[in-house]
Protein backbone atom coordinates (compact mmCIF):
# COMPACT_ATOMS: atom_id res chain seq x y z
CA MET A 1 5.09 18.52 -8.98
CA ALA A 2 3.03 15.43 -9.77
CA GLY A 3 5.09 12.28 -9.66
CA GLY A 4 8.31 11.78 -7.76
CA GLY A 5 6.50 11.10 -4.49
CA VAL A 6 3.86 13.84 -4.68
CA LYS A 7 0.13 13.13 -4.83
CA GLY A 8 -1.21 14.23 -8.19
CA GLY A 9 -4.10 16.67 -8.21
CA THR A 10 -3.74 17.61 -4.55
CA VAL A 11 -4.63 21.18 -3.64
CA ILE A 12 -3.13 22.56 -0.45
CA GLY A 13 -4.37 25.87 0.88
CA GLU A 14 -7.07 28.26 -0.19
CA THR A 15 -7.22 31.89 -1.29
CA ASP A 16 -9.97 34.46 -1.18
CA ASP A 17 -12.38 34.97 -4.08
CA ILE A 18 -10.01 37.12 -6.12
CA GLY A 19 -6.81 35.20 -5.25
CA TRP A 20 -5.28 38.07 -3.32
CA GLY A 21 -4.79 36.64 0.15
CA VAL A 22 -4.37 33.27 1.82
CA VAL A 23 -7.47 32.11 3.69
CA LYS A 24 -6.55 28.57 4.74
CA ASP A 25 -3.35 26.46 5.13
CA PRO A 26 -0.61 28.81 3.90
CA VAL A 27 2.59 27.26 2.56
CA HIS A 28 5.69 29.48 2.69
CA VAL A 29 8.39 29.26 0.04
CA HIS A 30 10.71 27.78 2.69
CA ASP A 31 8.19 24.97 3.23
CA LEU A 32 8.01 24.30 -0.51
CA HIS A 33 11.81 24.26 -0.75
CA ALA A 34 12.09 21.89 2.25
CA THR A 35 9.54 19.58 0.63
CA ILE A 36 11.42 19.51 -2.68
CA LEU A 37 14.71 18.78 -0.91
CA HIS A 38 12.98 16.00 1.04
CA LEU A 39 11.79 14.45 -2.23
CA PHE A 40 15.39 14.55 -3.49
CA GLY A 41 16.39 12.60 -0.40
CA LEU A 42 18.14 15.51 1.34
CA ASP A 43 17.60 16.68 4.91
CA HIS A 44 17.09 20.43 4.66
CA GLU A 45 18.13 20.92 8.29
CA ARG A 46 21.54 19.28 7.77
CA LEU A 47 22.30 20.63 4.29
CA THR A 48 24.38 23.75 4.89
CA TYR A 49 26.88 25.93 3.09
CA ARG A 50 29.55 28.17 4.59
CA PHE A 51 29.51 31.88 3.79
CA GLN A 52 31.77 34.42 5.51
CA GLY A 53 32.58 31.99 8.29
CA ARG A 54 28.99 31.06 9.13
CA ASP A 55 26.98 27.99 8.16
CA PHE A 56 23.70 28.74 6.37
CA ARG A 57 20.84 26.39 5.54
CA LEU A 58 19.14 26.56 2.16
CA THR A 59 15.80 26.98 3.91
CA ASP A 60 17.25 29.54 6.36
CA ILE A 61 15.91 29.07 9.90
CA ALA A 62 12.44 28.10 8.72
CA GLY A 63 10.89 25.46 6.53
CA ASN A 64 8.89 22.36 7.26
CA VAL A 65 8.16 19.48 4.93
CA VAL A 66 4.54 19.65 3.74
CA GLN A 67 3.42 16.13 4.65
CA ALA A 68 0.00 16.60 3.03
CA ALA A 69 1.65 16.80 -0.40
CA LEU A 70 3.60 13.56 -0.08
CA ALA A 71 2.25 10.31 -1.45
């Protein structure tokens, strides 16, 4: 994701020695998706689509922009 407003070479989070579990600063897939939408200039909380009469967000009810990744 380097370029496009993301700091190159930045590592966010940490796993255990064998890479099995998150030890520090987990980032959920909803957070990653919200960050990508933010970089595209879209507000992930306002971007919705209608399905069976209900409005859904692309990041569901979760998702926060990972500010540490932004330049």
